[in-house]
Amino acid sequence: MSATTADSTGTDELAQLRGEIDELDAEIIRLWKRRAGLSRRVGEIRMANGGTRLVLDRERAILDKYRDALGDDGTQIAMLVLRAGRGPL
């Protein structure tokens, strides 16, 4: 394989990988928005029924799930996900 062929193959693969990343980003954004909407609705229903705005045990379970799956960065991601659904504290 010549250097030119290797360069073109690398460029093709790079474009393909970037395209796949773009597709995944679009899906993550779609899911993020969907989850935030569901979370807001859960909060509305909970409060309409006399409950609290936050359920700390539920939030702790979500933080643990993300941390267990993704390591320390998972906690930061979970905090952002939770905030998207309930707003800042």
Protein backbone atom coordinates (compact mmCIF):
# COMPACT_ATOMS: atom_id res chain seq x y z
CA MET A 1 0.00 0.00 0.00
CA SER A 2 1.46 3.34 -1.00
CA ALA A 3 1.56 6.37 1.28
CA THR A 4 -1.11 8.03 -0.88
CA THR A 5 -3.45 5.04 -0.54
CA ALA A 6 -2.83 4.87 3.21
CA ASP A 7 -3.55 8.60 3.54
CA SER A 8 -6.76 8.31 1.53
CA THR A 9 -7.86 5.25 3.54
CA GLY A 10 -7.17 7.12 6.79
CA THR A 11 -9.09 10.14 5.51
CA ASP A 12 -12.05 7.95 4.48
CA GLU A 13 -12.08 6.21 7.84
CA LEU A 14 -11.78 9.54 9.65
CA ALA A 15 -14.78 10.92 7.77
CA GLN A 16 -16.77 7.76 8.51
CA LEU A 17 -15.91 7.87 12.22
CA ARG A 18 -16.78 11.56 12.46
CA GLY A 19 -20.08 10.89 10.73
CA GLU A 20 -20.89 8.17 13.24
CA ILE A 21 -19.94 10.49 16.12
CA ASP A 22 -22.26 13.15 14.67
CA GLU A 23 -25.09 10.62 14.55
CA LEU A 24 -24.44 9.58 18.15
CA ASP A 25 -24.34 13.22 19.27
CA ALA A 26 -27.72 13.82 17.64
CA GLU A 27 -29.14 10.77 19.41
CA ILE A 28 -27.67 11.83 22.77
CA ILE A 29 -29.21 15.29 22.38
CA ARG A 30 -32.59 13.77 21.46
CA LEU A 31 -32.47 11.44 24.47
CA TRP A 32 -31.27 14.24 26.76
CA LYS A 33 -34.24 16.42 25.81
CA ARG A 34 -36.67 13.50 26.16
CA ARG A 35 -35.33 12.58 29.59
CA ALA A 36 -35.45 16.19 30.80
CA GLY A 37 -39.07 16.50 29.70
CA LEU A 38 -40.05 13.28 31.45
CA SER A 39 -38.23 14.33 34.59
CA ARG A 40 -39.97 17.71 34.64
CA ARG A 41 -43.33 15.99 34.23
CA VAL A 42 -42.57 13.57 37.09
CA GLY A 43 -41.77 16.58 39.29
CA GLU A 44 -45.00 18.33 38.32
CA ILE A 45 -47.07 15.25 39.14
CA ARG A 46 -45.21 14.65 42.40
CA MET A 47 -45.70 18.25 43.56
CA ALA A 48 -49.36 18.32 42.45
CA ASN A 49 -49.91 15.33 44.72
CA GLY A 50 -48.32 17.05 47.71
CA GLY A 51 -44.84 15.62 47.30
CA THR A 52 -41.52 17.38 47.46
CA ARG A 53 -39.71 18.91 44.52
CA LEU A 54 -36.79 16.52 45.00
CA VAL A 55 -36.54 12.91 46.08
CA LEU A 56 -33.01 12.66 47.39
CA ASP A 57 -32.94 8.86 47.47
CA ARG A 58 -33.89 8.80 43.78
CA GLU A 59 -31.23 11.37 42.89
CA ARG A 60 -28.62 9.46 44.90
CA ALA A 61 -29.52 6.23 43.06
CA ILE A 62 -29.11 7.99 39.70
CA LEU A 63 -25.74 9.45 40.75
CA ASP A 64 -24.59 6.00 41.87
CA LYS A 65 -25.76 4.39 38.62
CA TYR A 66 -23.83 6.85 36.46
CA ARG A 67 -20.73 6.69 38.67
CA ASP A 68 -20.74 2.89 38.66
CA ALA A 69 -21.10 2.78 34.87
CA LEU A 70 -18.78 5.66 33.93
CA GLY A 71 -16.43 6.23 36.84
CA ASP A 72 -15.82 9.63 38.41
CA ASP A 73 -16.92 11.47 35.26
CA GLY A 74 -20.26 9.69 35.56
CA THR A 75 -21.07 11.70 38.68
CA GLN A 76 -20.55 14.96 36.80
CA ILE A 77 -22.66 13.75 33.89
CA ALA A 78 -25.41 12.63 36.26
CA MET A 79 -25.44 16.03 37.95
CA LEU A 80 -25.97 17.70 34.57
CA VAL A 81 -28.66 15.20 33.61
CA LEU A 82 -30.48 15.76 36.90
CA ARG A 83 -30.22 19.52 36.58
CA ALA A 84 -31.63 19.42 33.04
CA GLY A 85 -34.79 17.79 34.40
CA ARG A 86 -35.31 19.72 37.61
CA GLY A 87 -33.39 22.96 37.10
CA PRO A 88 -30.71 24.31 39.40
CA LEU A 89 -31.17 23.91 43.14
